[in-house]
Amino acid sequence: MPKPIHEIKRYPLRKNDLLQGWDSADELILQHMQNLELASKKILIINDQFGALSCGLEDFDCTTYTDSYVSMKGIQFNSDQRINPIHNLKNLAGPYDYVLIQLPKNMSFFEDILCHLTHHLHSDSKIICGSMVKHMAPASFELLQKYIGPTSTSLAQKKARLIFASFEKTQVVSPYPKTLKLDHFEVPFINHSNLFSRDKLDIGTRFFLDHIPKGPFTKILDLGCANGIIGIKAKMINPDAKLYFSDESSMAIESASSNYKNYFNDEAEFLWTNCFENRPLALLDLVLCNPPFHQQNTIGDFIAWQMFQDAFHSLKQGGSIRVIGNSHLGYQVKLKKLFGNSKIVATNNKFVICEARKSLT
């Protein structure tokens, strides 16, 4: 029995969480699909947030794709483990009759998705994209018209709208991943489409790279690793250390793994996970972290706080965490609350790098 949309929960579960696990775009897509004959149709669901679409249509022949570990776990939880999404675009297996897409914020990711889709559609395939109107970028229409066909839209309801397109174009090869040459790094970095700052090195990371510590570290974690550049720099400075990389984006883990292998011959561990949850206690000597401040379209410091908590649990006594963030975020205060200490390592006109150490007592 499909779970009603109002019962869909966010992942990870939080006490007294006031944020709901679906939005009006989910409702609008499901409402539209109720009017269609789906019994013999093959459906692909892309970027389902926490399972509203997958659970609402689980009685039909559906495949769900997500790059997000958080979304994957939400979908599994809300379907009582009946639905297991794929997380690599290479694993699409069309042709699909209907493709339902919650529009991503990242238009490079959307372009990558559409390029892959052109290999899994037929002449009657229908694409249905949903989004809250305030998040609907003009580029999404341009990309649909470029790779799929002419678009039309629904009326807005509850501040959400649908975009419709029928497949009229031809198969194309995705331009992703792309490579990025960076100063002071010999080998260009491989960046998949859903990475943050995939077209250039963001200024926060650039500042952080100048303040990676050298010490007697045996195990170092690049927490929220993106393409792995922070961990790779840490390995260069601390060649005897074993490196761990974690990120909730499957594409980030794939990028970091490829980039690490281009620089080093030893084995590192690459973990597709939410922050560093459910990992061994007292494992790490050093955690390096540039926390994101949003989950999908939700902005807040809850991800950073979970990252700090997970780091605390996985650090050895005497181990430390070094964090960069915008000055106004006050990460040094949050670290002191958790670790009982913190210090500012470096600042500039935009960022603060701070460090906390896990007490030996």
Protein backbone atom coordinates (compact mmCIF):
# COMPACT_ATOMS: atom_id res chain seq x y z
CA MET A 1 0.00 0.00 0.00
CA PRO A 2 1.64 3.29 -1.06
CA LYS A 3 2.39 5.62 1.84
CA PRO A 4 0.27 8.82 1.85
CA ILE A 5 2.33 11.87 1.04
CA HIS A 6 1.68 13.52 4.41
CA GLU A 7 3.41 10.57 6.12
CA ILE A 8 6.69 11.02 4.22
CA LYS A 9 9.51 11.84 6.68
CA ARG A 10 12.83 13.54 6.10
CA TYR A 11 16.13 11.75 6.64
CA PRO A 12 17.83 11.78 9.04
CA LEU A 13 14.96 11.69 11.50
CA ARG A 14 15.15 14.54 13.99
CA LYS A 15 13.07 15.14 17.10
CA ASN A 16 10.47 17.86 16.65
CA ASP A 17 11.48 18.38 13.01
CA LEU A 18 9.16 21.05 11.60
CA LEU A 19 10.33 20.48 8.00
CA GLN A 20 8.12 18.22 5.91
CA GLY A 21 9.46 15.51 3.63
CA TRP A 22 7.64 16.59 0.49
CA ASP A 23 6.61 19.78 -1.28
CA SER A 24 3.82 21.04 -3.51
CA ALA A 25 5.73 20.00 -6.63
CA ASP A 26 5.56 16.38 -5.43
CA GLU A 27 1.83 16.76 -4.91
CA LEU A 28 1.37 18.29 -8.35
CA ILE A 29 3.30 15.52 -10.10
CA LEU A 30 1.34 12.79 -8.32
CA GLN A 31 -1.93 14.56 -9.07
CA HIS A 32 -1.01 14.71 -12.77
CA MET A 33 -0.01 11.02 -12.85
CA GLN A 34 -3.36 9.96 -11.38
CA ASN A 35 -5.03 10.99 -14.63
CA LEU A 36 -2.80 8.78 -16.82
CA GLU A 37 -2.96 5.10 -17.73
CA LEU A 38 0.21 3.69 -16.18
CA ALA A 39 -0.46 -0.06 -15.96
CA SER A 40 1.90 -1.02 -18.80
CA LYS A 41 4.22 1.98 -18.67
CA LYS A 42 7.85 2.14 -17.57
CA ILE A 43 8.51 5.10 -15.26
CA LEU A 44 11.77 6.71 -14.17
CA ILE A 45 11.81 9.00 -11.12
CA ILE A 46 14.77 11.38 -10.75
CA ASN A 47 15.77 13.45 -7.71
CA ASP A 48 12.94 12.26 -5.49
CA GLN A 49 13.60 14.17 -2.26
CA PHE A 50 12.61 11.67 0.41
CA GLY A 51 10.32 9.24 -1.39
CA ALA A 52 7.03 11.06 -2.00
CA LEU A 53 7.08 10.21 -5.71
CA SER A 54 8.61 6.75 -5.39
CA CYS A 55 6.22 5.69 -2.63
CA GLY A 56 3.21 7.29 -4.33
CA LEU A 57 3.85 5.31 -7.53
CA GLU A 58 5.34 2.12 -6.15
CA ASP A 59 2.45 0.00 -7.47
CA PHE A 60 3.74 0.67 -11.00
CA ASP A 61 6.91 -0.23 -12.91
CA CYS A 62 9.20 2.46 -11.48
CA THR A 63 12.93 3.00 -11.21
CA THR A 64 14.27 5.73 -8.93
CA TYR A 65 17.60 7.50 -9.44
CA THR A 66 19.26 9.81 -6.93
CA ASP A 67 22.79 11.10 -6.42
CA SER A 68 22.03 11.87 -2.78
CA TYR A 69 22.69 9.41 0.05
CA VAL A 70 20.26 11.36 2.26
CA SER A 71 17.51 11.02 -0.35
CA MET A 72 18.31 7.34 -0.86
CA LYS A 73 18.00 6.63 2.86
CA GLY A 74 14.79 8.66 3.05
CA ILE A 75 13.28 6.71 0.16
CA GLN A 76 14.26 3.40 1.73
CA PHE A 77 12.87 4.42 5.14
CA ASN A 78 9.58 5.73 3.80
CA SER A 79 9.04 2.64 1.61
CA ASP A 80 9.92 0.26 4.47
CA GLN A 81 12.98 -0.81 2.43
CA ARG A 82 10.87 -1.89 -0.57
CA ILE A 83 12.44 0.72 -2.89
CA ASN A 84 16.20 0.80 -3.50
CA PRO A 85 17.24 3.66 -5.79
CA ILE A 86 20.09 3.49 -8.25
CA HIS A 87 22.77 6.17 -7.88
CA ASN A 88 24.71 6.06 -11.14
CA LEU A 89 23.34 7.44 -14.41
CA LYS A 90 25.17 4.64 -16.22
CA ASN A 91 22.69 2.22 -14.64
CA LEU A 92 19.64 3.68 -16.38
CA ALA A 93 17.87 0.96 -18.38
CA GLY A 94 15.17 2.37 -20.62
CA PRO A 95 13.39 3.04 -22.76
CA TYR A 96 11.13 4.86 -20.29
CA ASP A 97 7.61 6.00 -21.11
CA TYR A 98 7.50 8.65 -18.38
CA VAL A 99 10.37 10.44 -16.66
CA LEU A 100 9.48 12.44 -13.55
CA ILE A 101 12.11 14.92 -12.40
CA GLN A 102 12.27 17.10 -9.32
CA LEU A 103 14.33 19.91 -10.86
CA PRO A 104 17.78 20.21 -9.25
CA LYS A 105 19.34 23.56 -8.34
CA ASN A 106 22.49 22.59 -10.23
CA MET A 107 21.94 23.07 -13.97
CA SER A 108 25.13 21.20 -14.90
CA PHE A 109 23.68 18.18 -13.11
CA PHE A 110 20.38 18.67 -14.94
CA GLU A 111 22.20 18.84 -18.28
CA ASP A 112 24.09 15.65 -17.46
CA ILE A 113 20.82 13.91 -16.57
CA LEU A 114 19.13 14.99 -19.80
CA CYS A 115 22.09 13.89 -21.93
CA HIS A 116 21.99 10.42 -20.36
CA LEU A 117 18.22 10.30 -20.78
CA THR A 118 18.47 10.75 -24.56
CA HIS A 119 19.78 7.16 -24.69
CA HIS A 120 16.78 5.80 -22.77
CA LEU A 121 13.75 7.42 -24.41
CA HIS A 122 11.52 6.69 -27.41
CA SER A 123 9.50 8.97 -29.64
CA ASP A 124 6.48 8.89 -27.30
CA SER A 125 8.40 9.39 -24.07
CA LYS A 126 7.12 12.17 -21.82
CA ILE A 127 9.25 14.23 -19.45
CA ILE A 128 7.48 15.85 -16.48
CA CYS A 129 9.51 18.20 -14.30
CA GLY A 130 8.25 19.64 -11.05
CA SER A 131 9.56 22.52 -8.99
CA MET A 132 8.55 25.25 -6.64
CA VAL A 133 8.18 28.34 -8.83
CA LYS A 134 10.80 30.31 -6.87
CA HIS A 135 13.41 27.62 -7.65
CA MET A 136 12.53 27.20 -11.34
CA ALA A 137 15.55 28.51 -13.26
CA PRO A 138 15.13 29.78 -16.86
CA ALA A 139 18.04 27.52 -17.82
CA SER A 140 15.90 24.45 -17.08
CA PHE A 141 13.58 25.35 -19.98
CA GLU A 142 16.55 25.98 -22.27
CA LEU A 143 18.14 22.63 -21.46
CA LEU A 144 14.87 20.74 -21.95
CA GLN A 145 14.38 22.39 -25.33
CA LYS A 146 17.98 21.66 -26.32
CA TYR A 147 18.05 17.96 -25.43
CA ILE A 148 14.41 16.81 -25.27
CA GLY A 149 11.99 19.03 -27.21
CA PRO A 150 9.55 21.97 -26.92
CA THR A 151 8.19 22.67 -23.45
CA SER A 152 4.84 23.67 -21.98
CA THR A 153 3.84 24.33 -18.38
CA SER A 154 0.97 23.73 -16.03
CA LEU A 155 -0.78 26.41 -14.06
CA ALA A 156 0.89 27.18 -10.76
CA GLN A 157 -0.69 25.54 -7.71
CA LYS A 158 0.49 26.10 -4.14
CA LYS A 159 3.52 27.94 -5.58
CA ALA A 160 4.56 24.90 -7.66
CA ARG A 161 4.49 24.26 -11.39
CA LEU A 162 5.13 21.44 -13.85
CA ILE A 163 7.10 21.56 -17.10
CA PHE A 164 6.20 19.10 -19.86
CA ALA A 165 8.35 17.97 -22.79
CA SER A 166 8.11 15.14 -25.33
CA PHE A 167 11.25 13.55 -26.73
CA GLU A 168 11.91 14.86 -30.23
CA LYS A 169 15.71 15.14 -30.26
CA THR A 170 18.50 12.62 -30.82
CA GLN A 171 20.98 10.83 -28.60
CA VAL A 172 23.88 12.94 -27.33
CA VAL A 173 26.95 12.18 -25.23
CA SER A 174 27.15 14.01 -21.92
CA PRO A 175 29.99 16.55 -21.65
CA TYR A 176 30.51 15.46 -18.03
CA PRO A 177 32.68 14.78 -16.13
CA LYS A 178 34.96 17.70 -16.90
CA THR A 179 38.56 18.32 -15.89
CA LEU A 180 39.87 21.38 -14.07
CA LYS A 181 43.53 22.44 -14.00
CA LEU A 182 44.50 24.09 -10.73
CA ASP A 183 47.60 26.01 -9.70
CA HIS A 184 50.14 23.99 -7.70
CA PHE A 185 48.51 20.65 -8.67
CA GLU A 186 50.18 18.69 -11.43
CA VAL A 187 47.24 16.56 -12.57
CA PRO A 188 43.89 18.18 -13.53
CA PHE A 189 40.96 17.32 -11.27
CA ILE A 190 38.01 15.28 -12.53
CA ASN A 191 34.73 16.95 -11.55
CA HIS A 192 31.40 15.22 -12.11
CA SER A 193 28.35 17.33 -12.83
CA ASN A 194 26.79 17.50 -9.36
CA LEU A 195 29.85 18.82 -7.55
CA PHE A 196 29.85 22.14 -5.77
CA SER A 197 32.15 24.65 -7.51
CA ARG A 198 32.89 22.18 -10.33
CA ASP A 199 34.02 24.88 -12.80
CA LYS A 200 36.55 26.62 -10.57
CA LEU A 201 38.16 26.37 -7.15
CA ASP A 202 35.91 28.16 -4.67
CA ILE A 203 37.56 30.86 -2.57
CA GLY A 204 36.89 29.11 0.73
CA THR A 205 38.66 25.95 -0.36
CA ARG A 206 41.52 28.01 -1.80
CA PHE A 207 42.02 29.65 1.61
CA PHE A 208 41.70 26.31 3.44
CA LEU A 209 44.38 24.69 1.25
CA ASP A 210 46.95 27.12 2.70
CA HIS A 211 46.17 25.97 6.26
CA ILE A 212 46.24 22.16 6.14
CA PRO A 213 48.27 21.02 9.17
CA LYS A 214 51.31 18.74 9.15
CA GLY A 215 51.74 16.38 12.09
CA PRO A 216 51.94 12.79 13.35
CA PHE A 217 48.57 11.95 11.83
CA THR A 218 47.88 8.32 10.91
CA LYS A 219 44.25 8.64 9.81
CA ILE A 220 42.77 11.80 8.25
CA LEU A 221 39.18 12.38 7.10
CA ASP A 222 38.13 14.82 4.39
CA LEU A 223 34.55 15.29 5.61
CA GLY A 224 32.20 16.46 2.84
CA CYS A 225 35.00 15.89 0.37
CA ALA A 226 33.53 17.04 -2.99
CA ASN A 227 36.32 16.29 -5.50
CA GLY A 228 38.77 15.37 -2.72
CA ILE A 229 41.17 18.25 -3.10
CA ILE A 230 41.45 18.96 0.64
CA GLY A 231 42.23 15.33 1.44
CA ILE A 232 44.68 15.11 -1.45
CA LYS A 233 46.54 18.17 -0.17
CA ALA A 234 46.55 16.68 3.33
CA LYS A 235 48.09 13.49 1.93
CA MET A 236 50.78 15.50 0.16
CA ILE A 237 51.69 17.20 3.45
CA ASN A 238 51.31 14.00 5.53
CA PRO A 239 52.42 11.20 3.17
CA ASP A 240 52.34 8.45 5.83
CA ALA A 241 48.70 9.06 6.77
CA LYS A 242 45.79 6.96 5.57
CA LEU A 243 43.04 9.11 4.04
CA TYR A 244 39.28 8.78 4.34
CA PHE A 245 36.82 10.68 2.16
CA SER A 246 33.09 11.02 2.83
CA ASP A 247 30.29 12.82 1.01
CA GLU A 248 26.55 12.40 0.55
CA SER A 249 26.87 12.88 -3.23
CA SER A 250 27.71 9.73 -5.15
CA MET A 251 29.27 11.88 -7.87
CA ALA A 252 31.51 13.53 -5.28
CA ILE A 253 32.78 10.14 -4.10
CA GLU A 254 33.36 9.04 -7.69
CA SER A 255 35.27 12.26 -8.40
CA ALA A 256 37.37 12.07 -5.22
CA SER A 257 38.24 8.43 -5.86
CA SER A 258 39.39 9.13 -9.42
CA ASN A 259 41.39 12.17 -8.36
CA TYR A 260 43.11 10.38 -5.49
CA LYS A 261 44.18 7.53 -7.77
CA ASN A 262 45.69 10.08 -10.15
CA TYR A 263 48.01 11.25 -7.36
CA PHE A 264 48.71 8.27 -5.11
CA ASN A 265 49.17 4.51 -5.34
CA ASP A 266 48.06 3.54 -1.84
CA GLU A 267 44.55 2.69 -0.71
CA ALA A 268 42.20 5.31 0.70
CA GLU A 269 38.60 4.77 1.82
CA PHE A 270 35.72 6.50 0.04
CA LEU A 271 32.40 6.56 1.88
CA TRP A 272 29.05 7.52 0.33
CA THR A 273 27.22 8.46 3.50
CA ASN A 274 25.51 11.22 5.46
CA CYS A 275 28.27 13.22 7.14
CA PHE A 276 30.20 10.43 8.95
CA GLU A 277 27.31 8.73 10.66
CA ASN A 278 27.56 5.28 12.23
CA ARG A 279 31.34 5.05 11.76
CA PRO A 280 33.85 3.53 14.20
CA LEU A 281 34.65 5.38 17.41
CA ALA A 282 38.17 6.65 18.11
CA LEU A 283 39.27 6.05 14.52
CA LEU A 284 40.69 9.39 13.35
CA ASP A 285 43.54 11.74 14.23
CA LEU A 286 42.42 14.68 12.09
CA VAL A 287 39.17 15.79 10.43
CA LEU A 288 39.17 18.51 7.76
CA CYS A 289 35.80 20.02 6.94
CA ASN A 290 34.23 22.74 4.80
CA PRO A 291 30.57 22.23 5.75
CA PRO A 292 27.71 22.90 3.31
CA PHE A 293 24.97 25.19 4.60
CA HIS A 294 22.07 23.68 2.67
CA GLN A 295 20.45 20.31 2.07
CA GLN A 296 18.73 20.45 -1.34
CA ASN A 297 16.77 23.73 -1.07
CA THR A 298 16.73 23.83 2.74
CA ILE A 299 19.25 26.23 4.30
CA GLY A 300 20.54 25.83 7.85
CA ASP A 301 23.44 24.82 10.08
CA PHE A 302 22.02 21.39 10.94
CA ILE A 303 24.39 19.62 8.51
CA ALA A 304 27.46 21.34 9.98
CA TRP A 305 26.30 20.43 13.50
CA GLN A 306 25.89 16.76 12.56
CA MET A 307 29.31 16.81 10.87
CA PHE A 308 30.87 18.16 14.07
CA GLN A 309 29.09 15.56 16.21
CA ASP A 310 30.10 12.69 13.93
CA ALA A 311 33.68 13.95 13.90
CA PHE A 312 33.70 14.14 17.71
CA HIS A 313 32.59 10.52 18.02
CA SER A 314 35.11 9.24 15.45
CA LEU A 315 38.14 11.20 16.63
CA LYS A 316 40.69 9.61 18.94
CA GLN A 317 41.40 11.34 22.24
CA GLY A 318 43.79 14.14 21.39
CA GLY A 319 42.57 14.20 17.77
CA SER A 320 41.44 17.46 16.20
CA ILE A 321 38.99 18.90 13.71
CA ARG A 322 39.83 21.86 11.51
CA VAL A 323 36.90 23.70 9.90
CA ILE A 324 36.44 26.60 7.51
CA GLY A 325 33.30 28.69 7.26
CA ASN A 326 31.99 32.15 6.54
CA SER A 327 32.80 34.46 9.44
CA HIS A 328 29.17 35.04 10.42
CA LEU A 329 28.44 31.32 10.89
CA GLY A 330 30.31 31.20 14.20
CA TYR A 331 31.62 27.67 13.85
CA GLN A 332 34.23 28.32 16.57
CA VAL A 333 31.38 28.79 19.07
CA LYS A 334 29.67 25.57 17.97
CA LEU A 335 32.91 23.62 18.20
CA LYS A 336 33.60 24.94 21.69
CA LYS A 337 30.13 23.89 22.81
CA LEU A 338 30.78 20.34 21.60
CA PHE A 339 34.50 19.87 22.26
CA GLY A 340 34.92 22.22 25.23
CA ASN A 341 37.57 24.18 23.37
CA SER A 342 38.27 25.89 20.06
CA LYS A 343 40.74 28.31 18.59
CA ILE A 344 40.91 30.43 15.47
CA VAL A 345 43.72 29.32 13.16
CA ALA A 346 43.40 31.93 10.41
CA THR A 347 40.99 34.56 9.11
CA ASN A 348 40.54 36.77 6.09
CA ASN A 349 37.85 39.27 5.15
CA LYS A 350 35.31 36.48 4.50
CA PHE A 351 36.32 33.22 6.18
CA VAL A 352 37.39 31.86 9.55
CA ILE A 353 39.41 28.66 9.97
CA CYS A 354 39.01 27.21 13.44
CA GLU A 355 40.16 24.09 15.25
CA ALA A 356 39.01 22.03 18.21
CA ARG A 357 40.71 19.15 19.97
CA LYS A 358 39.12 16.11 21.62
CA SER A 359 40.17 16.13 25.24
CA LEU A 360 42.57 13.48 26.52
CA THR A 361 40.51 13.10 29.68
